[in-house]
Amino acid sequence: QRRVHGGGRADVQWVALTDDKGNGLVCEWKGIRSIQTNGMQVNASRFSVKELDEAKHQYELPLSRNDRVQLHLDALMMGLGGDNSWQPVVHSEYYVRPGKYNYSITLYPVANTSTTIP
């Protein structure tokens, strides 16, 4: 069974990933035109999905990952499943239905702490 990713945040309007000098990247949510959403789903990790999937224990992860961050930006996420642990079925109102979705996420660099973030 595939592991779920921890630490995700929902309804995010913008996220900034910066170093200790304030240099980095800003991702700004512009929305989905066809449906009402409050923001994107964001997850940032120093480990890849593969590294997390392959590690059965925390000590099996690489010791130091200060050189990179893996950022996952999702326009839509299907709701959590079930009302109990023995029937993990997602309620129909929380399905992500097949279809075409037009959305926009703007990425732009930031340099030093004097840069204005949305």
Protein backbone atom coordinates (compact mmCIF):
# COMPACT_ATOMS: atom_id res chain seq x y z
CA GLN A 1 0.00 0.00 0.00
CA ARG A 2 1.33 3.42 -0.98
CA ARG A 3 2.26 5.79 1.80
CA VAL A 4 0.44 9.12 2.04
CA HIS A 5 2.41 12.33 2.08
CA GLY A 6 2.41 14.17 5.37
CA GLY A 7 2.54 17.87 6.02
CA GLY A 8 0.37 19.03 3.14
CA ARG A 9 -1.56 22.27 3.41
CA ALA A 10 -4.90 23.01 1.76
CA ASP A 11 -6.46 26.25 0.47
CA VAL A 12 -3.06 27.91 0.01
CA GLN A 13 -3.10 31.24 -1.86
CA TRP A 14 0.69 31.57 -2.08
CA VAL A 15 3.81 29.91 -0.77
CA ALA A 16 7.40 31.15 -0.60
CA LEU A 17 10.45 28.93 -0.37
CA THR A 18 13.48 30.99 0.60
CA ASP A 19 16.94 30.54 2.01
CA ASP A 20 18.26 32.36 5.07
CA LYS A 21 19.02 35.44 2.91
CA GLY A 22 15.47 35.69 1.55
CA ASN A 23 16.31 34.37 -1.93
CA GLY A 24 13.99 31.81 -3.42
CA LEU A 25 10.74 31.14 -5.21
CA VAL A 26 7.14 32.28 -4.76
CA CYS A 27 4.18 30.29 -6.12
CA GLU A 28 0.90 32.20 -6.35
CA TRP A 29 -2.51 30.57 -6.92
CA LYS A 30 -4.74 32.17 -9.53
CA GLY A 31 -7.64 29.74 -9.31
CA ILE A 32 -9.68 27.33 -11.40
CA ARG A 33 -12.15 28.98 -13.73
CA SER A 34 -14.67 26.12 -13.88
CA ILE A 35 -15.20 25.50 -10.14
CA GLN A 36 -14.96 27.36 -6.85
CA THR A 37 -11.75 26.66 -4.92
CA ASN A 38 -10.05 28.53 -2.11
CA GLY A 39 -6.50 27.69 -3.08
CA MET A 40 -4.08 24.96 -4.01
CA GLN A 41 -2.82 21.95 -2.06
CA VAL A 42 0.88 22.39 -1.20
CA ASN A 43 3.45 19.94 0.11
CA ALA A 44 7.17 20.64 0.50
CA SER A 45 9.69 17.97 1.47
CA ARG A 46 13.42 17.48 1.52
CA PHE A 47 12.82 13.89 0.39
CA SER A 48 11.53 12.60 -2.94
CA VAL A 49 8.34 10.58 -3.19
CA LYS A 50 10.49 7.57 -4.11
CA GLU A 51 12.69 8.00 -1.01
CA LEU A 52 9.61 8.23 1.22
CA ASP A 53 7.96 5.22 -0.44
CA GLU A 54 11.06 3.04 -0.13
CA ALA A 55 11.89 3.89 3.51
CA LYS A 56 10.07 1.72 6.00
CA HIS A 57 11.62 3.62 8.92
CA GLN A 58 12.78 7.20 9.38
CA TYR A 59 16.41 6.15 9.85
CA GLU A 60 16.37 4.74 6.29
CA LEU A 61 15.98 8.24 4.83
CA PRO A 62 19.12 10.15 3.72
CA LEU A 63 20.75 11.97 6.63
CA SER A 64 21.15 15.39 5.06
CA ARG A 65 18.97 16.98 2.39
CA ASN A 66 19.68 20.69 2.82
CA ASP A 67 20.51 21.19 -0.86
CA ARG A 68 16.98 20.76 -2.25
CA VAL A 69 13.27 20.93 -1.58
CA GLN A 70 10.67 19.01 -3.56
CA LEU A 71 7.54 21.11 -3.95
CA HIS A 72 4.20 19.61 -4.95
CA LEU A 73 1.43 21.98 -6.07
CA ASP A 74 -1.97 20.41 -6.71
CA ALA A 75 -4.95 22.24 -8.16
CA LEU A 76 -7.42 19.68 -6.78
CA MET A 77 -7.25 16.91 -4.20
CA MET A 78 -9.83 14.20 -3.66
CA GLY A 79 -11.25 14.18 -0.15
CA LEU A 80 -10.24 11.78 2.57
CA GLY A 81 -12.05 8.50 2.57
CA GLY A 82 -14.58 6.98 4.86
CA ASP A 83 -16.40 7.56 8.06
CA ASN A 84 -14.62 4.64 9.70
CA SER A 85 -11.42 2.62 9.29
CA TRP A 86 -13.02 -0.47 7.74
CA GLN A 87 -14.79 1.31 4.85
CA PRO A 88 -12.45 3.95 3.41
CA VAL A 89 -14.90 5.17 0.77
CA VAL A 90 -14.82 8.81 -0.28
CA HIS A 91 -18.18 10.58 -0.19
CA SER A 92 -19.33 11.49 -3.69
CA GLU A 93 -19.29 15.25 -3.00
CA TYR A 94 -15.51 15.02 -2.44
CA TYR A 95 -14.63 13.21 -5.69
CA VAL A 96 -12.49 14.96 -8.26
CA ARG A 97 -14.55 14.37 -11.38
CA PRO A 98 -12.89 13.70 -14.75
CA GLY A 99 -12.87 16.73 -17.01
CA LYS A 100 -10.88 19.68 -18.22
CA TYR A 101 -9.83 22.19 -15.58
CA ASN A 102 -8.18 25.50 -16.42
CA TYR A 103 -6.08 26.88 -13.60
CA SER A 104 -3.13 29.16 -13.18
CA ILE A 105 -0.19 29.12 -10.79
CA THR A 106 2.40 31.88 -11.17
CA LEU A 107 6.00 31.15 -10.21
CA TYR A 108 8.47 33.96 -9.72
CA PRO A 109 11.87 34.38 -8.09
CA VAL A 110 12.45 36.54 -5.06
CA ALA A 111 15.78 38.08 -4.12
CA ASN A 112 16.55 39.24 -0.56
CA THR A 113 14.02 40.10 2.10
CA SER A 114 13.14 43.48 0.59
CA THR A 115 11.05 41.76 -2.11
CA THR A 116 7.31 42.13 -1.55
CA ILE A 117 5.50 38.80 -1.34
CA PRO A 118 1.78 38.76 -2.19
